[in-house]
Full PDB file with SEQRES, HELIX, SHEET, SSBOND, CRYST1, ORIGX, SCALE, CONECT and MASTER records, all heavy atoms in Angstrom:
SEQRES   1 A   35  THR VAL LEU PHE ASP CYS ASP ARG PHE LEU ARG THR HIS          
SEQRES   2 A   35  VAL ILE GLU ALA PRO ASP GLY TYR ALA ASP LEU ALA ALA          
SEQRES   3 A   35  TYR ASN GLY ALA LEU SER LYS HIS VAL                          
HELIX    1 AA1 CYS A    6  PHE A    9  1                                   4    
HELIX    2 AA2 LEU A   24  HIS A   34  1                                  11    
CRYST1    1.000    1.000    1.000  90.00  90.00  90.00 P 1           1          
ORIGX1      1.000000  0.000000  0.000000        0.00000                         
ORIGX2      0.000000  1.000000  0.000000        0.00000                         
ORIGX3      0.000000  0.000000  1.000000        0.00000                         
SCALE1      1.000000  0.000000  0.000000        0.00000                         
SCALE2      0.000000  1.000000  0.000000        0.00000                         
SCALE3      0.000000  0.000000  1.000000        0.00000                         
ATOM      1  N   THR A   1      13.362   9.726  -9.995  1.00  0.00           N  
ATOM      2  CA  THR A   1      12.968   8.703 -10.968  1.00  0.00           C  
ATOM      3  C   THR A   1      14.125   8.240 -11.842  1.00  0.00           C  
ATOM      4  O   THR A   1      14.009   7.224 -12.539  1.00  0.00           O  
ATOM      5  CB  THR A   1      11.822   9.217 -11.861  1.00  0.00           C  
ATOM      6  OG1 THR A   1      12.199  10.455 -12.468  1.00  0.00           O  
ATOM      7  CG2 THR A   1      10.555   9.429 -11.050  1.00  0.00           C  
ATOM      8  N   VAL A   2      15.233   8.957 -11.833  1.00  0.00           N  
ATOM      9  CA  VAL A   2      16.431   8.441 -12.504  1.00  0.00           C  
ATOM     10  C   VAL A   2      16.887   7.166 -11.804  1.00  0.00           C  
ATOM     11  O   VAL A   2      17.350   6.215 -12.441  1.00  0.00           O  
ATOM     12  CB  VAL A   2      17.554   9.494 -12.499  1.00  0.00           C  
ATOM     13  CG1 VAL A   2      18.877   8.885 -12.982  1.00  0.00           C  
ATOM     14  CG2 VAL A   2      17.173  10.680 -13.375  1.00  0.00           C  
ATOM     15  N   LEU A   3      16.747   7.132 -10.481  1.00  0.00           N  
ATOM     16  CA  LEU A   3      17.083   5.936  -9.711  1.00  0.00           C  
ATOM     17  C   LEU A   3      15.921   4.944  -9.707  1.00  0.00           C  
ATOM     18  O   LEU A   3      16.092   3.766 -10.017  1.00  0.00           O  
ATOM     19  CB  LEU A   3      17.450   6.326  -8.274  1.00  0.00           C  
ATOM     20  CG  LEU A   3      18.724   7.136  -8.100  1.00  0.00           C  
ATOM     21  CD1 LEU A   3      18.881   7.575  -6.654  1.00  0.00           C  
ATOM     22  CD2 LEU A   3      19.937   6.315  -8.530  1.00  0.00           C  
ATOM     23  N   PHE A   4      14.732   5.433  -9.344  1.00  0.00           N  
ATOM     24  CA  PHE A   4      13.554   4.570  -9.303  1.00  0.00           C  
ATOM     25  C   PHE A   4      12.887   4.588 -10.680  1.00  0.00           C  
ATOM     26  O   PHE A   4      11.806   5.116 -10.870  1.00  0.00           O  
ATOM     27  CB  PHE A   4      12.603   5.036  -8.208  1.00  0.00           C  
ATOM     28  CG  PHE A   4      11.402   4.140  -8.009  1.00  0.00           C  
ATOM     29  CD1 PHE A   4      11.564   2.812  -7.650  1.00  0.00           C  
ATOM     30  CD2 PHE A   4      10.123   4.630  -8.190  1.00  0.00           C  
ATOM     31  CE1 PHE A   4      10.466   1.985  -7.477  1.00  0.00           C  
ATOM     32  CE2 PHE A   4       9.015   3.813  -7.998  1.00  0.00           C  
ATOM     33  CZ  PHE A   4       9.183   2.488  -7.654  1.00  0.00           C  
ATOM     34  N   ASP A   5      13.580   4.000 -11.644  1.00  0.00           N  
ATOM     35  CA  ASP A   5      13.145   4.023 -13.038  1.00  0.00           C  
ATOM     36  C   ASP A   5      12.519   2.680 -13.386  1.00  0.00           C  
ATOM     37  O   ASP A   5      13.199   1.752 -13.851  1.00  0.00           O  
ATOM     38  CB  ASP A   5      14.346   4.323 -13.939  1.00  0.00           C  
ATOM     39  CG  ASP A   5      13.932   4.655 -15.371  1.00  0.00           C  
ATOM     40  OD1 ASP A   5      12.833   4.236 -15.778  1.00  0.00           O  
ATOM     41  OD2 ASP A   5      14.714   5.314 -16.072  1.00  0.00           O  
ATOM     42  N   CYS A   6      11.220   2.586 -13.167  1.00  0.00           N  
ATOM     43  CA  CYS A   6      10.537   1.309 -13.388  1.00  0.00           C  
ATOM     44  C   CYS A   6      10.457   0.963 -14.869  1.00  0.00           C  
ATOM     45  O   CYS A   6      10.469  -0.223 -15.235  1.00  0.00           O  
ATOM     46  CB  CYS A   6       9.138   1.362 -12.782  1.00  0.00           C  
ATOM     47  SG  CYS A   6       9.147   1.493 -10.975  1.00  0.00           S  
ATOM     48  N   ASP A   7      10.363   1.977 -15.726  1.00  0.00           N  
ATOM     49  CA  ASP A   7      10.261   1.702 -17.160  1.00  0.00           C  
ATOM     50  C   ASP A   7      11.502   0.988 -17.677  1.00  0.00           C  
ATOM     51  O   ASP A   7      11.409   0.113 -18.546  1.00  0.00           O  
ATOM     52  CB  ASP A   7      10.055   3.010 -17.935  1.00  0.00           C  
ATOM     53  CG  ASP A   7       8.689   3.620 -17.702  1.00  0.00           C  
ATOM     54  OD1 ASP A   7       7.773   2.879 -17.297  1.00  0.00           O  
ATOM     55  OD2 ASP A   7       8.537   4.836 -17.920  1.00  0.00           O  
ATOM     56  N   ARG A   8      12.663   1.344 -17.161  1.00  0.00           N  
ATOM     57  CA  ARG A   8      13.908   0.754 -17.660  1.00  0.00           C  
ATOM     58  C   ARG A   8      14.363  -0.460 -16.867  1.00  0.00           C  
ATOM     59  O   ARG A   8      14.954  -1.390 -17.430  1.00  0.00           O  
ATOM     60  CB  ARG A   8      15.024   1.802 -17.645  1.00  0.00           C  
ATOM     61  CG  ARG A   8      14.852   2.904 -18.656  1.00  0.00           C  
ATOM     62  CD  ARG A   8      16.193   3.495 -19.072  1.00  0.00           C  
ATOM     63  NE  ARG A   8      16.908   4.119 -17.967  1.00  0.00           N  
ATOM     64  CZ  ARG A   8      18.151   4.576 -18.065  1.00  0.00           C  
ATOM     65  NH1 ARG A   8      18.818   4.450 -19.202  1.00  0.00           N  
ATOM     66  NH2 ARG A   8      18.740   5.161 -17.039  1.00  0.00           N  
ATOM     67  N   PHE A   9      14.102  -0.464 -15.562  1.00  0.00           N  
ATOM     68  CA  PHE A   9      14.759  -1.453 -14.705  1.00  0.00           C  
ATOM     69  C   PHE A   9      13.823  -2.499 -14.105  1.00  0.00           C  
ATOM     70  O   PHE A   9      14.307  -3.483 -13.537  1.00  0.00           O  
ATOM     71  CB  PHE A   9      15.493  -0.739 -13.572  1.00  0.00           C  
ATOM     72  CG  PHE A   9      16.535   0.240 -14.027  1.00  0.00           C  
ATOM     73  CD1 PHE A   9      16.761   1.408 -13.323  1.00  0.00           C  
ATOM     74  CD2 PHE A   9      17.285   0.001 -15.162  1.00  0.00           C  
ATOM     75  CE1 PHE A   9      17.730   2.318 -13.739  1.00  0.00           C  
ATOM     76  CE2 PHE A   9      18.248   0.900 -15.597  1.00  0.00           C  
ATOM     77  CZ  PHE A   9      18.474   2.061 -14.874  1.00  0.00           C  
ATOM     78  N   LEU A  10      12.530  -2.320 -14.211  1.00  0.00           N  
ATOM     79  CA  LEU A  10      11.576  -3.296 -13.684  1.00  0.00           C  
ATOM     80  C   LEU A  10      11.022  -4.102 -14.852  1.00  0.00           C  
ATOM     81  O   LEU A  10      10.390  -3.552 -15.747  1.00  0.00           O  
ATOM     82  CB  LEU A  10      10.454  -2.564 -12.939  1.00  0.00           C  
ATOM     83  CG  LEU A  10       9.373  -3.411 -12.266  1.00  0.00           C  
ATOM     84  CD1 LEU A  10       9.967  -4.317 -11.194  1.00  0.00           C  
ATOM     85  CD2 LEU A  10       8.301  -2.507 -11.666  1.00  0.00           C  
ATOM     86  N   ARG A  11      11.282  -5.394 -14.847  1.00  0.00           N  
ATOM     87  CA  ARG A  11      10.893  -6.248 -15.978  1.00  0.00           C  
ATOM     88  C   ARG A  11      10.013  -7.406 -15.503  1.00  0.00           C  
ATOM     89  O   ARG A  11      10.266  -8.001 -14.451  1.00  0.00           O  
ATOM     90  CB  ARG A  11      12.130  -6.825 -16.654  1.00  0.00           C  
ATOM     91  CG  ARG A  11      13.169  -5.791 -17.066  1.00  0.00           C  
ATOM     92  CD  ARG A  11      12.931  -5.253 -18.455  1.00  0.00           C  
ATOM     93  NE  ARG A  11      13.928  -4.225 -18.768  1.00  0.00           N  
ATOM     94  CZ  ARG A  11      15.150  -4.495 -19.214  1.00  0.00           C  
ATOM     95  NH1 ARG A  11      15.527  -5.755 -19.381  1.00  0.00           N  
ATOM     96  NH2 ARG A  11      15.988  -3.513 -19.489  1.00  0.00           N  
ATOM     97  N   THR A  12       9.009  -7.732 -16.303  1.00  0.00           N  
ATOM     98  CA  THR A  12       8.134  -8.869 -15.998  1.00  0.00           C  
ATOM     99  C   THR A  12       7.974  -9.730 -17.250  1.00  0.00           C  
ATOM    100  O   THR A  12       7.971  -9.216 -18.371  1.00  0.00           O  
ATOM    101  CB  THR A  12       6.745  -8.408 -15.522  1.00  0.00           C  
ATOM    102  OG1 THR A  12       6.077  -7.709 -16.590  1.00  0.00           O  
ATOM    103  CG2 THR A  12       6.861  -7.485 -14.313  1.00  0.00           C  
ATOM    104  N   HIS A  13       7.855 -11.038 -17.020  1.00  0.00           N  
ATOM    105  CA  HIS A  13       7.537 -11.936 -18.119  1.00  0.00           C  
ATOM    106  C   HIS A  13       7.029 -13.254 -17.541  1.00  0.00           C  
ATOM    107  O   HIS A  13       7.321 -13.591 -16.393  1.00  0.00           O  
ATOM    108  CB  HIS A  13       8.747 -12.180 -19.020  1.00  0.00           C  
ATOM    109  CG  HIS A  13       9.817 -13.015 -18.399  1.00  0.00           C  
ATOM    110  ND1 HIS A  13      10.718 -12.510 -17.474  1.00  0.00           N  
ATOM    111  CD2 HIS A  13      10.144 -14.326 -18.556  1.00  0.00           C  
ATOM    112  CE1 HIS A  13      11.546 -13.461 -17.096  1.00  0.00           C  
ATOM    113  NE2 HIS A  13      11.223 -14.579 -17.737  1.00  0.00           N  
ATOM    114  N   VAL A  14       6.266 -13.969 -18.324  1.00  0.00           N  
ATOM    115  CA  VAL A  14       5.799 -15.306 -17.951  1.00  0.00           C  
ATOM    116  C   VAL A  14       6.771 -16.316 -18.546  1.00  0.00           C  
ATOM    117  O   VAL A  14       7.086 -16.260 -19.740  1.00  0.00           O  
ATOM    118  CB  VAL A  14       4.367 -15.563 -18.454  1.00  0.00           C  
ATOM    119  CG1 VAL A  14       3.953 -17.005 -18.163  1.00  0.00           C  
ATOM    120  CG2 VAL A  14       3.397 -14.590 -17.805  1.00  0.00           C  
ATOM    121  N   ILE A  15       7.268 -17.225 -17.719  1.00  0.00           N  
ATOM    122  CA  ILE A  15       8.271 -18.187 -18.187  1.00  0.00           C  
ATOM    123  C   ILE A  15       7.608 -19.295 -19.001  1.00  0.00           C  
ATOM    124  O   ILE A  15       6.381 -19.468 -18.979  1.00  0.00           O  
ATOM    125  CB  ILE A  15       9.066 -18.798 -17.018  1.00  0.00           C  
ATOM    126  CG1 ILE A  15       8.192 -19.803 -16.239  1.00  0.00           C  
ATOM    127  CG2 ILE A  15       9.610 -17.721 -16.090  1.00  0.00           C  
ATOM    128  CD1 ILE A  15       9.001 -20.708 -15.316  1.00  0.00           C  
ATOM    129  N   GLU A  16       8.426 -20.034 -19.705  1.00  0.00           N  
ATOM    130  CA  GLU A  16       7.965 -21.226 -20.400  1.00  0.00           C  
ATOM    131  C   GLU A  16       8.291 -22.456 -19.554  1.00  0.00           C  
ATOM    132  O   GLU A  16       9.290 -22.483 -18.830  1.00  0.00           O  
ATOM    133  CB  GLU A  16       8.639 -21.346 -21.763  1.00  0.00           C  
ATOM    134  CG  GLU A  16       8.271 -20.227 -22.720  1.00  0.00           C  
ATOM    135  CD  GLU A  16       8.899 -20.416 -24.088  1.00  0.00           C  
ATOM    136  OE1 GLU A  16       9.609 -21.433 -24.285  1.00  0.00           O  
ATOM    137  OE2 GLU A  16       8.685 -19.553 -24.952  1.00  0.00           O  
ATOM    138  N   ALA A  17       7.455 -23.465 -19.649  1.00  0.00           N  
ATOM    139  CA  ALA A  17       7.692 -24.694 -18.890  1.00  0.00           C  
ATOM    140  C   ALA A  17       8.981 -25.361 -19.350  1.00  0.00           C  
ATOM    141  O   ALA A  17       9.229 -25.480 -20.557  1.00  0.00           O  
ATOM    142  CB  ALA A  17       6.525 -25.652 -19.058  1.00  0.00           C  
ATOM    143  N   PRO A  18       9.822 -25.785 -18.420  1.00  0.00           N  
ATOM    144  CA  PRO A  18      11.049 -26.504 -18.814  1.00  0.00           C  
ATOM    145  C   PRO A  18      10.708 -27.838 -19.478  1.00  0.00           C  
ATOM    146  O   PRO A  18       9.596 -28.372 -19.328  1.00  0.00           O  
ATOM    147  CB  PRO A  18      11.770 -26.724 -17.474  1.00  0.00           C  
ATOM    148  CG  PRO A  18      11.161 -25.752 -16.525  1.00  0.00           C  
ATOM    149  CD  PRO A  18       9.747 -25.590 -16.965  1.00  0.00           C  
ATOM    150  N   ASP A  19      11.662 -28.368 -20.207  1.00  0.00           N  
ATOM    151  CA  ASP A  19      11.476 -29.685 -20.821  1.00  0.00           C  
ATOM    152  C   ASP A  19      11.179 -30.727 -19.739  1.00  0.00           C  
ATOM    153  O   ASP A  19      11.737 -30.682 -18.639  1.00  0.00           O  
ATOM    154  CB  ASP A  19      12.733 -30.102 -21.588  1.00  0.00           C  
ATOM    155  CG  ASP A  19      12.969 -29.231 -22.812  1.00  0.00           C  
ATOM    156  OD1 ASP A  19      12.023 -28.571 -23.268  1.00  0.00           O  
ATOM    157  OD2 ASP A  19      14.127 -29.210 -23.291  1.00  0.00           O  
ATOM    158  N   GLY A  20      10.299 -31.646 -20.078  1.00  0.00           N  
ATOM    159  CA  GLY A  20       9.959 -32.721 -19.153  1.00  0.00           C  
ATOM    160  C   GLY A  20       8.668 -32.493 -18.408  1.00  0.00           C  
ATOM    161  O   GLY A  20       8.204 -33.386 -17.670  1.00  0.00           O  
ATOM    162  N   TYR A  21       8.045 -31.318 -18.591  1.00  0.00           N  
ATOM    163  CA  TYR A  21       6.768 -31.019 -17.933  1.00  0.00           C  
ATOM    164  C   TYR A  21       5.708 -30.801 -19.008  1.00  0.00           C  
ATOM    165  O   TYR A  21       5.968 -30.193 -20.056  1.00  0.00           O  
ATOM    166  CB  TYR A  21       6.883 -29.777 -17.056  1.00  0.00           C  
ATOM    167  CG  TYR A  21       7.804 -29.983 -15.879  1.00  0.00           C  
ATOM    168  CD1 TYR A  21       9.166 -29.697 -15.992  1.00  0.00           C  
ATOM    169  CD2 TYR A  21       7.329 -30.471 -14.671  1.00  0.00           C  
ATOM    170  CE1 TYR A  21      10.032 -29.893 -14.926  1.00  0.00           C  
ATOM    171  CE2 TYR A  21       8.182 -30.665 -13.593  1.00  0.00           C  
ATOM    172  CZ  TYR A  21       9.533 -30.381 -13.727  1.00  0.00           C  
ATOM    173  OH  TYR A  21      10.378 -30.582 -12.670  1.00  0.00           O  
ATOM    174  N   ALA A  22       4.509 -31.292 -18.755  1.00  0.00           N  
ATOM    175  CA  ALA A  22       3.443 -31.213 -19.745  1.00  0.00           C  
ATOM    176  C   ALA A  22       3.123 -29.767 -20.098  1.00  0.00           C  
ATOM    177  O   ALA A  22       2.873 -29.438 -21.262  1.00  0.00           O  
ATOM    178  CB  ALA A  22       2.192 -31.920 -19.224  1.00  0.00           C  
ATOM    179  N   ASP A  23       3.128 -28.897 -19.087  1.00  0.00           N  
ATOM    180  CA  ASP A  23       2.847 -27.486 -19.311  1.00  0.00           C  
ATOM    181  C   ASP A  23       3.321 -26.697 -18.094  1.00  0.00           C  
ATOM    182  O   ASP A  23       3.876 -27.275 -17.137  1.00  0.00           O  
ATOM    183  CB  ASP A  23       1.347 -27.250 -19.569  1.00  0.00           C  
ATOM    184  CG  ASP A  23       0.447 -27.871 -18.511  1.00  0.00           C  
ATOM    185  OD1 ASP A  23       0.908 -28.042 -17.348  1.00  0.00           O  
ATOM    186  OD2 ASP A  23      -0.706 -28.191 -18.824  1.00  0.00           O  
ATOM    187  N   LEU A  24       3.103 -25.394 -18.119  1.00  0.00           N  
ATOM    188  CA  LEU A  24       3.567 -24.550 -17.022  1.00  0.00           C  
ATOM    189  C   LEU A  24       2.835 -24.870 -15.725  1.00  0.00           C  
ATOM    190  O   LEU A  24       3.433 -24.820 -14.643  1.00  0.00           O  
ATOM    191  CB  LEU A  24       3.384 -23.076 -17.391  1.00  0.00           C  
ATOM    192  CG  LEU A  24       3.960 -22.057 -16.401  1.00  0.00           C  
ATOM    193  CD1 LEU A  24       5.442 -22.291 -16.152  1.00  0.00           C  
ATOM    194  CD2 LEU A  24       3.720 -20.632 -16.916  1.00  0.00           C  
ATOM    195  N   ALA A  25       1.568 -25.232 -15.822  1.00  0.00           N  
ATOM    196  CA  ALA A  25       0.821 -25.581 -14.616  1.00  0.00           C  
ATOM    197  C   ALA A  25       1.440 -26.792 -13.926  1.00  0.00           C  
ATOM    198  O   ALA A  25       1.525 -26.844 -12.692  1.00  0.00           O  
ATOM    199  CB  ALA A  25      -0.646 -25.846 -14.967  1.00  0.00           C  
ATOM    200  N   ALA A  26       1.883 -27.756 -14.703  1.00  0.00           N  
ATOM    201  CA  ALA A  26       2.510 -28.950 -14.126  1.00  0.00           C  
ATOM    202  C   ALA A  26       3.820 -28.590 -13.440  1.00  0.00           C  
ATOM    203  O   ALA A  26       4.129 -29.098 -12.350  1.00  0.00           O  
ATOM    204  CB  ALA A  26       2.745 -29.994 -15.215  1.00  0.00           C  
ATOM    205  N   TYR A  27       4.585 -27.707 -14.067  1.00  0.00           N  
ATOM    206  CA  TYR A  27       5.847 -27.294 -13.458  1.00  0.00           C  
ATOM    207  C   TYR A  27       5.599 -26.491 -12.192  1.00  0.00           C  
ATOM    208  O   TYR A  27       6.262 -26.708 -11.164  1.00  0.00           O  
ATOM    209  CB  TYR A  27       6.669 -26.486 -14.449  1.00  0.00           C  
ATOM    210  CG  TYR A  27       8.002 -26.041 -13.873  1.00  0.00           C  
ATOM    211  CD1 TYR A  27       8.913 -26.976 -13.399  1.00  0.00           C  
ATOM    212  CD2 TYR A  27       8.338 -24.690 -13.785  1.00  0.00           C  
ATOM    213  CE1 TYR A  27      10.129 -26.589 -12.853  1.00  0.00           C  
ATOM    214  CE2 TYR A  27       9.553 -24.292 -13.255  1.00  0.00           C  
ATOM    215  CZ  TYR A  27      10.442 -25.245 -12.776  1.00  0.00           C  
ATOM    216  OH  TYR A  27      11.635 -24.866 -12.230  1.00  0.00           O  
ATOM    217  N   ASN A  28       4.641 -25.582 -12.232  1.00  0.00           N  
ATOM    218  CA  ASN A  28       4.320 -24.812 -11.035  1.00  0.00           C  
ATOM    219  C   ASN A  28       3.837 -25.718  -9.902  1.00  0.00           C  
ATOM    220  O   ASN A  28       4.121 -25.462  -8.727  1.00  0.00           O  
ATOM    221  CB  ASN A  28       3.255 -23.762 -11.354  1.00  0.00           C  
ATOM    222  CG  ASN A  28       3.814 -22.571 -12.094  1.00  0.00           C  
ATOM    223  OD1 ASN A  28       4.998 -22.268 -11.999  1.00  0.00           O  
ATOM    224  ND2 ASN A  28       2.959 -21.887 -12.852  1.00  0.00           N  
ATOM    225  N   GLY A  29       3.115 -26.762 -10.254  1.00  0.00           N  
ATOM    226  CA  GLY A  29       2.681 -27.718  -9.240  1.00  0.00           C  
ATOM    227  C   GLY A  29       3.860 -28.410  -8.578  1.00  0.00           C  
ATOM    228  O   GLY A  29       3.881 -28.609  -7.359  1.00  0.00           O  
ATOM    229  N   ALA A  30       4.856 -28.776  -9.386  1.00  0.00           N  
ATOM    230  CA  ALA A  30       6.052 -29.431  -8.837  1.00  0.00           C  
ATOM    231  C   ALA A  30       6.832 -28.468  -7.939  1.00  0.00           C  
ATOM    232  O   ALA A  30       7.318 -28.860  -6.868  1.00  0.00           O  
ATOM    233  CB  ALA A  30       6.930 -29.931  -9.983  1.00  0.00           C  
ATOM    234  N   LEU A  31       6.948 -27.204  -8.360  1.00  0.00           N  
ATOM    235  CA  LEU A  31       7.637 -26.209  -7.535  1.00  0.00           C  
ATOM    236  C   LEU A  31       6.904 -26.000  -6.202  1.00  0.00           C  
ATOM    237  O   LEU A  31       7.526 -25.952  -5.136  1.00  0.00           O  
ATOM    238  CB  LEU A  31       7.734 -24.874  -8.284  1.00  0.00           C  
ATOM    239  CG  LEU A  31       8.756 -24.764  -9.404  1.00  0.00           C  
ATOM    240  CD1 LEU A  31       8.594 -23.429 -10.122  1.00  0.00           C  
ATOM    241  CD2 LEU A  31      10.182 -24.903  -8.872  1.00  0.00           C  
ATOM    242  N   SER A  32       5.591 -25.869  -6.271  1.00  0.00           N  
ATOM    243  CA  SER A  32       4.806 -25.631  -5.056  1.00  0.00           C  
ATOM    244  C   SER A  32       4.932 -26.792  -4.084  1.00  0.00           C  
ATOM    245  O   SER A  32       5.101 -26.599  -2.874  1.00  0.00           O  
ATOM    246  CB  SER A  32       3.330 -25.404  -5.423  1.00  0.00           C  
ATOM    247  OG  SER A  32       3.187 -24.265  -6.244  1.00  0.00           O  
ATOM    248  N   LYS A  33       4.867 -28.000  -4.607  1.00  0.00           N  
ATOM    249  CA  LYS A  33       5.010 -29.189  -3.755  1.00  0.00           C  
ATOM    250  C   LYS A  33       6.387 -29.217  -3.108  1.00  0.00           C  
ATOM    251  O   LYS A  33       6.526 -29.534  -1.912  1.00  0.00           O  
ATOM    252  CB  LYS A  33       4.781 -30.450  -4.587  1.00  0.00           C  
ATOM    253  CG  LYS A  33       4.864 -31.739  -3.780  1.00  0.00           C  
ATOM    254  CD  LYS A  33       4.588 -32.955  -4.658  1.00  0.00           C  
ATOM    255  CE  LYS A  33       4.690 -34.249  -3.854  1.00  0.00           C  
ATOM    256  NZ  LYS A  33       4.430 -35.437  -4.725  1.00  0.00           N  
ATOM    257  N   HIS A  34       7.410 -28.855  -3.872  1.00  0.00           N  
ATOM    258  CA  HIS A  34       8.778 -28.848  -3.355  1.00  0.00           C  
ATOM    259  C   HIS A  34       8.920 -27.827  -2.230  1.00  0.00           C  
ATOM    260  O   HIS A  34       9.529 -28.118  -1.187  1.00  0.00           O  
ATOM    261  CB  HIS A  34       9.752 -28.531  -4.493  1.00  0.00           C  
ATOM    262  CG  HIS A  34      11.194 -28.611  -4.102  1.00  0.00           C  
ATOM    263  ND1 HIS A  34      11.863 -29.809  -3.928  1.00  0.00           N  
ATOM    264  CD2 HIS A  34      12.107 -27.634  -3.826  1.00  0.00           C  
ATOM    265  CE1 HIS A  34      13.118 -29.571  -3.583  1.00  0.00           C  
ATOM    266  NE2 HIS A  34      13.295 -28.256  -3.514  1.00  0.00           N  
ATOM    267  N   VAL A  35       8.359 -26.639  -2.430  1.00  0.00           N  
ATOM    268  CA  VAL A  35       8.449 -25.584  -1.411  1.00  0.00           C  
ATOM    269  C   VAL A  35       7.709 -25.982  -0.147  1.00  0.00           C  
ATOM    270  O   VAL A  35       8.231 -25.872   0.972  1.00  0.00           O  
ATOM    271  CB  VAL A  35       7.895 -24.253  -1.970  1.00  0.00           C  
ATOM    272  CG1 VAL A  35       7.709 -23.235  -0.841  1.00  0.00           C  
ATOM    273  CG2 VAL A  35       8.823 -23.692  -3.035  1.00  0.00           C  
TER     274      VAL A  35                                                      
MASTER        0    0    0    2    0    0    0    6  273    1    0    3          
END                                                                             
């Protein structure tokens, strides 16, 4: 667990929508369409 140390090395967060998008859902829609 010194190597597989999820508490220290595994990070999660929800991003904020970049400027120019109404909200995160709109940005995610643009990303999905692009992919």
